[in-house]
Structure formats: C-alpha cells, structure tokens
Amino acid sequence: SFPGGRRDPADGDAVATALRETREELGVAVPPTSVWGQLRTLPDRHGMTVAPVVANLGPLEALTLNPNPDEVEEVFTLPLAHLLREENQGYTHFRTAGGYGYTLPVFLNGPHKVWGLTAIITELTLELLLPGRY
C-alpha cells in the first residue's frame, strides 16, 4: 500500500499528513514543493476517509529508502510501462451477503498483487497522468 495514516493534531492538512507518513514509514523526506496535488477523497472499508496525495519524488535510483520495520514489511516499485500493459491489469469481483456485487482493479507483478484501495488509488493516478492511455 502507499504510505499513510491518521492525521496528527500537528498536521496542518492532508498533504502535511502524507509527507509526515512518508518520512515515518519510508524514511523519505519529501519537500512540499514536490507535491503535485491531491486526488479526490475515498472511503476505506472501515468508513474512514482517505485523501491520496500525489508527489514527484524524482528518479527512484536517487532515493535512499529506510523503511520502518514496525510499519513496512517490504517495498517494491512498479514502472508506469508495467502498469500500462494489459497483461498486468485485471479486476476482482466481490459479492456481499445481500447479493450486491462490486468490481475493483488489480495490478499484477510477479509475487505481488496490488489490490483494494491501493489499486483504486493507482488507477486514479494512471487516469490523471495518462489520459487516453489507461
């Protein structure tokens, strides 16, 4: 999933929360000037509101990640080219007890499957960055 967490009282807004969580979870200090903007808010499965923030971190090769082992089990990245290949895209269909069903995107990458809210945020980001290609 993406770095994230609850807003602390000291956080001024959703962007400040995202930058703090990225620093705490991945050890990456993202300057506010690198933030491109915020996607629309989304509800999670617990009824909380998630405010995705998009930022440019620059070349991944230049980043030094220091994941917090108490919060992060593994870190991996997916190039845009990989996400855009149809063989790496899919959908998962869910049914509820009342018969209501819904469909969510899934992105495949070897042993990793990006699904749930992370896949929704990934899909929204692709639609924003690459209109007409995704």
N, C-alpha and C. Protein backbone atom coordinates (compact mmCIF):
# COMPACT_ATOMS: atom_id res chain seq x y z
N SER A 1 0.84 -1.18 0.00
CA SER A 1 0.00 0.00 0.00
C SER A 1 0.88 1.23 0.00
N PHE A 2 0.27 2.36 -0.12
CA PHE A 2 1.00 3.62 -0.09
C PHE A 2 1.23 4.02 1.36
N PRO A 3 2.22 4.85 1.62
CA PRO A 3 2.38 5.37 2.99
C PRO A 3 1.11 6.11 3.38
N GLY A 4 0.74 5.99 4.62
CA GLY A 4 -0.45 6.70 5.05
C GLY A 4 -0.77 6.42 6.50
N GLY A 5 -1.68 7.18 7.01
CA GLY A 5 -2.09 7.01 8.39
C GLY A 5 -2.99 8.15 8.81
N ARG A 6 -3.36 8.11 10.05
CA ARG A 6 -4.25 9.13 10.59
C ARG A 6 -3.54 10.48 10.69
N ARG A 7 -4.35 11.49 10.55
CA ARG A 7 -3.85 12.85 10.70
C ARG A 7 -3.55 13.14 12.16
N ASP A 8 -2.35 13.64 12.41
CA ASP A 8 -1.97 14.06 13.76
C ASP A 8 -2.45 15.49 13.99
N PRO A 9 -2.68 15.86 15.24
CA PRO A 9 -3.11 17.24 15.53
C PRO A 9 -2.13 18.29 14.99
N ALA A 10 -0.85 17.95 14.92
CA ALA A 10 0.15 18.91 14.44
C ALA A 10 0.15 19.05 12.91
N ASP A 11 -0.49 18.10 12.20
CA ASP A 11 -0.55 18.16 10.73
C ASP A 11 -1.53 19.27 10.33
N GLY A 12 -1.08 20.15 9.44
CA GLY A 12 -1.96 21.23 9.02
C GLY A 12 -3.07 20.79 8.09
N ASP A 13 -2.78 19.77 7.26
CA ASP A 13 -3.76 19.31 6.28
C ASP A 13 -3.38 17.91 5.80
N ALA A 14 -4.11 17.41 4.80
CA ALA A 14 -3.85 16.06 4.28
C ALA A 14 -2.46 15.95 3.66
N VAL A 15 -1.99 17.02 3.03
CA VAL A 15 -0.66 17.00 2.43
C VAL A 15 0.40 16.85 3.52
N ALA A 16 0.27 17.60 4.60
CA ALA A 16 1.23 17.50 5.71
C ALA A 16 1.22 16.10 6.30
N THR A 17 0.04 15.50 6.40
CA THR A 17 -0.06 14.13 6.91
C THR A 17 0.66 13.16 5.97
N ALA A 18 0.45 13.30 4.68
CA ALA A 18 1.09 12.40 3.70
C ALA A 18 2.61 12.53 3.73
N LEU A 19 3.10 13.75 3.84
CA LEU A 19 4.55 13.96 3.88
C LEU A 19 5.15 13.39 5.15
N ARG A 20 4.46 13.57 6.28
CA ARG A 20 4.95 13.02 7.55
C ARG A 20 4.94 11.50 7.51
N GLU A 21 3.86 10.91 7.03
CA GLU A 21 3.76 9.45 6.98
C GLU A 21 4.82 8.85 6.04
N THR A 22 5.10 9.52 4.94
CA THR A 22 6.14 9.04 4.02
C THR A 22 7.50 9.06 4.71
N ARG A 23 7.76 10.11 5.46
CA ARG A 23 9.02 10.21 6.21
C ARG A 23 9.08 9.11 7.28
N GLU A 24 7.99 8.92 8.03
CA GLU A 24 7.98 7.93 9.12
C GLU A 24 8.05 6.50 8.62
N GLU A 25 7.36 6.19 7.52
CA GLU A 25 7.28 4.81 7.05
C GLU A 25 8.42 4.42 6.12
N LEU A 26 8.85 5.34 5.26
CA LEU A 26 9.87 5.01 4.26
C LEU A 26 11.19 5.72 4.47
N GLY A 27 11.24 6.66 5.41
CA GLY A 27 12.47 7.40 5.64
C GLY A 27 12.80 8.37 4.53
N VAL A 28 11.80 8.81 3.79
CA VAL A 28 12.00 9.74 2.68
C VAL A 28 11.38 11.08 3.05
N ALA A 29 12.20 12.12 3.03
CA ALA A 29 11.71 13.48 3.29
C ALA A 29 11.31 14.11 1.96
N VAL A 30 10.03 14.27 1.76
CA VAL A 30 9.51 14.86 0.52
C VAL A 30 9.21 16.33 0.79
N PRO A 31 9.84 17.23 0.06
CA PRO A 31 9.55 18.65 0.28
C PRO A 31 8.15 19.00 -0.24
N PRO A 32 7.47 19.91 0.42
CA PRO A 32 6.13 20.31 -0.03
C PRO A 32 6.10 20.79 -1.49
N THR A 33 7.21 21.33 -1.98
CA THR A 33 7.26 21.80 -3.37
C THR A 33 7.19 20.65 -4.37
N SER A 34 7.41 19.41 -3.93
CA SER A 34 7.33 18.25 -4.81
C SER A 34 5.90 17.71 -4.96
N VAL A 35 4.99 18.23 -4.18
CA VAL A 35 3.59 17.76 -4.22
C VAL A 35 2.91 18.32 -5.45
N TRP A 36 2.31 17.42 -6.23
CA TRP A 36 1.56 17.83 -7.42
C TRP A 36 0.12 18.17 -7.08
N GLY A 37 -0.43 17.47 -6.10
CA GLY A 37 -1.82 17.74 -5.74
C GLY A 37 -2.43 16.58 -5.00
N GLN A 38 -3.72 16.69 -4.78
CA GLN A 38 -4.47 15.68 -4.03
C GLN A 38 -5.57 15.12 -4.92
N LEU A 39 -5.72 13.81 -4.92
CA LEU A 39 -6.81 13.16 -5.63
C LEU A 39 -8.09 13.32 -4.81
N ARG A 40 -9.21 12.93 -5.39
CA ARG A 40 -10.46 13.01 -4.64
C ARG A 40 -10.40 12.06 -3.45
N THR A 41 -11.08 12.42 -2.39
CA THR A 41 -11.09 11.57 -1.20
C THR A 41 -11.90 10.31 -1.47
N LEU A 42 -11.51 9.25 -0.78
CA LEU A 42 -12.14 7.94 -0.96
C LEU A 42 -12.47 7.35 0.40
N PRO A 43 -13.57 6.60 0.49
CA PRO A 43 -13.84 5.90 1.75
C PRO A 43 -13.08 4.57 1.78
N ASP A 44 -12.55 4.20 2.95
CA ASP A 44 -11.97 2.87 3.06
C ASP A 44 -13.04 1.92 3.59
N ARG A 45 -12.70 0.66 3.76
CA ARG A 45 -13.71 -0.33 4.16
C ARG A 45 -14.16 -0.19 5.60
N HIS A 46 -13.49 0.68 6.36
CA HIS A 46 -13.86 0.91 7.75
C HIS A 46 -14.64 2.21 7.92
N GLY A 47 -14.93 2.89 6.80
CA GLY A 47 -15.67 4.13 6.86
C GLY A 47 -14.83 5.37 7.06
N MET A 48 -13.51 5.20 7.08
CA MET A 48 -12.62 6.35 7.20
C MET A 48 -12.46 7.00 5.82
N THR A 49 -12.10 8.26 5.80
CA THR A 49 -11.86 8.96 4.54
C THR A 49 -10.36 9.00 4.27
N VAL A 50 -9.99 8.62 3.05
CA VAL A 50 -8.59 8.61 2.63
C VAL A 50 -8.40 9.73 1.62
N ALA A 51 -7.36 10.54 1.82
CA ALA A 51 -7.06 11.67 0.94
C ALA A 51 -5.73 11.41 0.24
N PRO A 52 -5.72 10.76 -0.94
CA PRO A 52 -4.46 10.47 -1.63
C PRO A 52 -3.77 11.74 -2.11
N VAL A 53 -2.46 11.80 -1.89
CA VAL A 53 -1.63 12.94 -2.29
C VAL A 53 -0.60 12.43 -3.29
N VAL A 54 -0.45 13.15 -4.40
CA VAL A 54 0.50 12.75 -5.45
C VAL A 54 1.68 13.73 -5.42
N ALA A 55 2.89 13.15 -5.40
CA ALA A 55 4.10 13.97 -5.39
C ALA A 55 5.14 13.37 -6.33
N ASN A 56 6.04 14.19 -6.80
CA ASN A 56 7.14 13.74 -7.64
C ASN A 56 8.36 13.56 -6.75
N LEU A 57 8.82 12.32 -6.64
CA LEU A 57 9.99 12.02 -5.81
C LEU A 57 11.29 12.05 -6.59
N GLY A 58 11.21 12.30 -7.89
CA GLY A 58 12.41 12.30 -8.72
C GLY A 58 12.78 10.88 -9.10
N PRO A 59 13.97 10.70 -9.66
CA PRO A 59 14.40 9.35 -10.07
C PRO A 59 14.48 8.40 -8.87
N LEU A 60 13.92 7.23 -9.02
CA LEU A 60 13.94 6.25 -7.92
C LEU A 60 15.36 5.85 -7.56
N GLU A 61 16.25 5.85 -8.54
CA GLU A 61 17.64 5.48 -8.29
C GLU A 61 18.32 6.45 -7.32
N ALA A 62 17.81 7.66 -7.26
CA ALA A 62 18.42 8.67 -6.39
C ALA A 62 17.85 8.63 -4.97
N LEU A 63 16.81 7.83 -4.75
CA LEU A 63 16.19 7.74 -3.43
C LEU A 63 16.91 6.74 -2.54
N THR A 64 17.06 7.07 -1.31
CA THR A 64 17.54 6.13 -0.32
C THR A 64 16.38 5.85 0.63
N LEU A 65 15.84 4.66 0.52
CA LEU A 65 14.72 4.29 1.38
C LEU A 65 15.23 3.67 2.66
N ASN A 66 14.59 4.02 3.75
CA ASN A 66 14.91 3.45 5.05
C ASN A 66 13.59 3.06 5.70
N PRO A 67 12.98 1.94 5.24
CA PRO A 67 11.66 1.57 5.73
C PRO A 67 11.65 1.26 7.22
N ASN A 68 10.61 1.70 7.89
CA ASN A 68 10.41 1.43 9.30
C ASN A 68 9.90 -0.02 9.43
N PRO A 69 10.68 -0.94 10.01
CA PRO A 69 10.28 -2.35 10.08
C PRO A 69 9.03 -2.58 10.92
N ASP A 70 8.66 -1.63 11.78
CA ASP A 70 7.44 -1.77 12.56
C ASP A 70 6.20 -1.48 11.73
N GLU A 71 6.38 -0.83 10.57
CA GLU A 71 5.24 -0.44 9.75
C GLU A 71 5.29 -0.98 8.33
N VAL A 72 6.49 -1.34 7.85
CA VAL A 72 6.66 -1.72 6.45
C VAL A 72 7.34 -3.08 6.38
N GLU A 73 6.68 -4.03 5.73
CA GLU A 73 7.26 -5.36 5.58
C GLU A 73 8.17 -5.45 4.36
N GLU A 74 7.75 -4.80 3.27
CA GLU A 74 8.50 -4.90 2.02
C GLU A 74 8.20 -3.66 1.18
N VAL A 75 9.17 -3.23 0.38
CA VAL A 75 8.99 -2.11 -0.52
C VAL A 75 9.27 -2.61 -1.94
N PHE A 76 8.38 -2.26 -2.87
CA PHE A 76 8.63 -2.53 -4.28
C PHE A 76 8.01 -1.41 -5.10
N THR A 77 8.52 -1.22 -6.29
CA THR A 77 8.01 -0.19 -7.18
C THR A 77 7.54 -0.84 -8.47
N LEU A 78 6.66 -0.16 -9.17
CA LEU A 78 6.17 -0.62 -10.47
C LEU A 78 6.30 0.51 -11.47
N PRO A 79 7.04 0.30 -12.55
CA PRO A 79 7.14 1.33 -13.58
C PRO A 79 5.79 1.58 -14.25
N LEU A 80 5.59 2.80 -14.74
CA LEU A 80 4.35 3.10 -15.46
C LEU A 80 4.16 2.15 -16.64
N ALA A 81 5.23 1.85 -17.36
CA ALA A 81 5.12 0.96 -18.52
C ALA A 81 4.56 -0.41 -18.11
N HIS A 82 4.96 -0.91 -16.95
CA HIS A 82 4.45 -2.19 -16.45
C HIS A 82 2.96 -2.09 -16.15
N LEU A 83 2.57 -1.02 -15.47
CA LEU A 83 1.16 -0.84 -15.11
C LEU A 83 0.27 -0.67 -16.33
N LEU A 84 0.81 -0.16 -17.42
CA LEU A 84 0.02 0.08 -18.62
C LEU A 84 -0.16 -1.15 -19.49
N ARG A 85 0.63 -2.19 -19.27
CA ARG A 85 0.49 -3.41 -20.07
C ARG A 85 -0.76 -4.18 -19.64
N GLU A 86 -1.61 -4.50 -20.60
CA GLU A 86 -2.89 -5.15 -20.29
C GLU A 86 -2.72 -6.46 -19.54
N GLU A 87 -1.65 -7.19 -19.80
CA GLU A 87 -1.46 -8.48 -19.10
C GLU A 87 -1.18 -8.30 -17.61
N ASN A 88 -0.88 -7.08 -17.20
CA ASN A 88 -0.63 -6.80 -15.78
C ASN A 88 -1.84 -6.15 -15.09
N GLN A 89 -2.93 -6.01 -15.83
CA GLN A 89 -4.14 -5.39 -15.30
C GLN A 89 -5.24 -6.42 -15.19
N GLY A 90 -6.05 -6.28 -14.18
CA GLY A 90 -7.18 -7.18 -14.02
C GLY A 90 -8.22 -6.55 -13.11
N TYR A 91 -9.23 -7.34 -12.80
CA TYR A 91 -10.29 -6.89 -11.91
C TYR A 91 -10.69 -8.04 -11.00
N THR A 92 -11.07 -7.72 -9.80
CA THR A 92 -11.58 -8.69 -8.85
C THR A 92 -13.03 -8.35 -8.59
N HIS A 93 -13.89 -9.36 -8.64
CA HIS A 93 -15.32 -9.18 -8.41
C HIS A 93 -15.66 -9.66 -7.00
N PHE A 94 -16.39 -8.85 -6.27
CA PHE A 94 -16.79 -9.18 -4.91
C PHE A 94 -18.30 -9.25 -4.83
N ARG A 95 -18.78 -10.12 -3.97
CA ARG A 95 -20.21 -10.20 -3.67
C ARG A 95 -20.39 -10.04 -2.17
N THR A 96 -21.48 -9.43 -1.80
CA THR A 96 -21.79 -9.29 -0.39
C THR A 96 -22.94 -10.23 -0.06
N ALA A 97 -23.24 -10.38 1.23
CA ALA A 97 -24.30 -11.30 1.66
C ALA A 97 -25.64 -10.94 1.04
N GLY A 98 -25.89 -9.67 0.79
CA GLY A 98 -27.16 -9.24 0.21
C GLY A 98 -27.23 -9.43 -1.29
N GLY A 99 -26.19 -10.01 -1.90
CA GLY A 99 -26.18 -10.24 -3.33
C GLY A 99 -25.58 -9.09 -4.12
N TYR A 100 -25.33 -7.97 -3.44
CA TYR A 100 -24.73 -6.82 -4.12
C TYR A 100 -23.30 -7.18 -4.49
N GLY A 101 -22.90 -6.82 -5.67
CA GLY A 101 -21.53 -7.09 -6.09
C GLY A 101 -20.84 -5.82 -6.53
N TYR A 102 -19.51 -5.82 -6.47
CA TYR A 102 -18.73 -4.70 -6.95
C TYR A 102 -17.42 -5.22 -7.51
N THR A 103 -16.80 -4.40 -8.33
CA THR A 103 -15.57 -4.77 -9.02
C THR A 103 -14.49 -3.76 -8.71
N LEU A 104 -13.29 -4.25 -8.42
CA LEU A 104 -12.15 -3.38 -8.13
C LEU A 104 -10.98 -3.77 -9.03
N PRO A 105 -10.15 -2.79 -9.38
CA PRO A 105 -8.98 -3.10 -10.22
C PRO A 105 -7.93 -3.88 -9.44
N VAL A 106 -7.09 -4.60 -10.17
CA VAL A 106 -5.95 -5.33 -9.62
C VAL A 106 -4.80 -5.15 -10.60
N PHE A 107 -3.60 -4.96 -10.07
CA PHE A 107 -2.39 -4.87 -10.89
C PHE A 107 -1.46 -5.99 -10.46
N LEU A 108 -0.94 -6.74 -11.43
CA LEU A 108 -0.12 -7.91 -11.14
C LEU A 108 1.35 -7.60 -11.37
N ASN A 109 2.18 -8.17 -10.51
CA ASN A 109 3.64 -8.00 -10.63
C ASN A 109 4.31 -9.18 -9.94
N GLY A 110 4.51 -10.27 -10.67
CA GLY A 110 5.15 -11.44 -10.08
C GLY A 110 4.44 -11.86 -8.82
N PRO A 111 5.17 -11.96 -7.70
CA PRO A 111 4.53 -12.41 -6.46
C PRO A 111 3.65 -11.34 -5.82
N HIS A 112 3.70 -10.11 -6.33
CA HIS A 112 2.94 -9.02 -5.75
C HIS A 112 1.65 -8.78 -6.52
N LYS A 113 0.59 -8.57 -5.79
CA LYS A 113 -0.69 -8.21 -6.37
C LYS A 113 -1.12 -6.91 -5.69
N VAL A 114 -1.32 -5.87 -6.48
CA VAL A 114 -1.79 -4.59 -5.96
C VAL A 114 -3.30 -4.60 -6.09
N TRP A 115 -4.00 -4.53 -4.96
CA TRP A 115 -5.45 -4.62 -4.99
C TRP A 115 -6.04 -3.70 -3.93
N GLY A 116 -7.34 -3.73 -3.79
CA GLY A 116 -8.03 -2.93 -2.78
C GLY A 116 -7.87 -1.44 -3.03
N LEU A 117 -7.82 -0.70 -1.94
CA LEU A 117 -7.73 0.76 -2.01
C LEU A 117 -6.45 1.20 -2.73
N THR A 118 -5.37 0.45 -2.55
CA THR A 118 -4.11 0.78 -3.23
C THR A 118 -4.29 0.72 -4.75
N ALA A 119 -5.01 -0.28 -5.24
CA ALA A 119 -5.25 -0.40 -6.69
C ALA A 119 -6.18 0.71 -7.18
N ILE A 120 -7.15 1.09 -6.38
CA ILE A 120 -8.04 2.19 -6.77
C ILE A 120 -7.25 3.49 -6.89
N ILE A 121 -6.38 3.76 -5.93
CA ILE A 121 -5.56 4.98 -5.97
C ILE A 121 -4.60 4.91 -7.16
N THR A 122 -4.05 3.73 -7.44
CA THR A 122 -3.17 3.56 -8.59
C THR A 122 -3.92 3.85 -9.88
N GLU A 123 -5.13 3.32 -10.00
CA GLU A 123 -5.94 3.54 -11.20
C GLU A 123 -6.29 5.02 -11.37
N LEU A 124 -6.68 5.69 -10.30
CA LEU A 124 -6.99 7.12 -10.39
C LEU A 124 -5.76 7.92 -10.82
N THR A 125 -4.59 7.53 -10.31
CA THR A 125 -3.36 8.22 -10.67
C THR A 125 -3.03 8.01 -12.15
N LEU A 126 -3.19 6.78 -12.64
CA LEU A 126 -2.94 6.50 -14.06
C LEU A 126 -3.89 7.29 -14.94
N GLU A 127 -5.16 7.35 -14.55
CA GLU A 127 -6.14 8.12 -15.34
C GLU A 127 -5.75 9.60 -15.38
N LEU A 128 -5.21 10.11 -14.30
CA LEU A 128 -4.82 11.51 -14.23
C LEU A 128 -3.55 11.78 -15.03
N LEU A 129 -2.54 10.93 -14.87
CA LEU A 129 -1.25 11.14 -15.53
C LEU A 129 -1.24 10.79 -17.00
N LEU A 130 -2.05 9.79 -17.37
CA LEU A 130 -2.01 9.27 -18.73
C LEU A 130 -3.40 9.16 -19.34
N PRO A 131 -4.12 10.25 -19.46
CA PRO A 131 -5.47 10.17 -20.03
C PRO A 131 -5.41 9.64 -21.46
N GLY A 132 -6.30 8.72 -21.75
CA GLY A 132 -6.34 8.14 -23.09
C GLY A 132 -5.40 6.96 -23.27
N ARG A 133 -4.43 6.78 -22.39
CA ARG A 133 -3.53 5.63 -22.50
C ARG A 133 -3.89 4.55 -21.51
N TYR A 134 -4.61 4.92 -20.46
CA TYR A 134 -5.05 3.91 -19.50
C TYR A 134 -6.55 3.84 -19.52
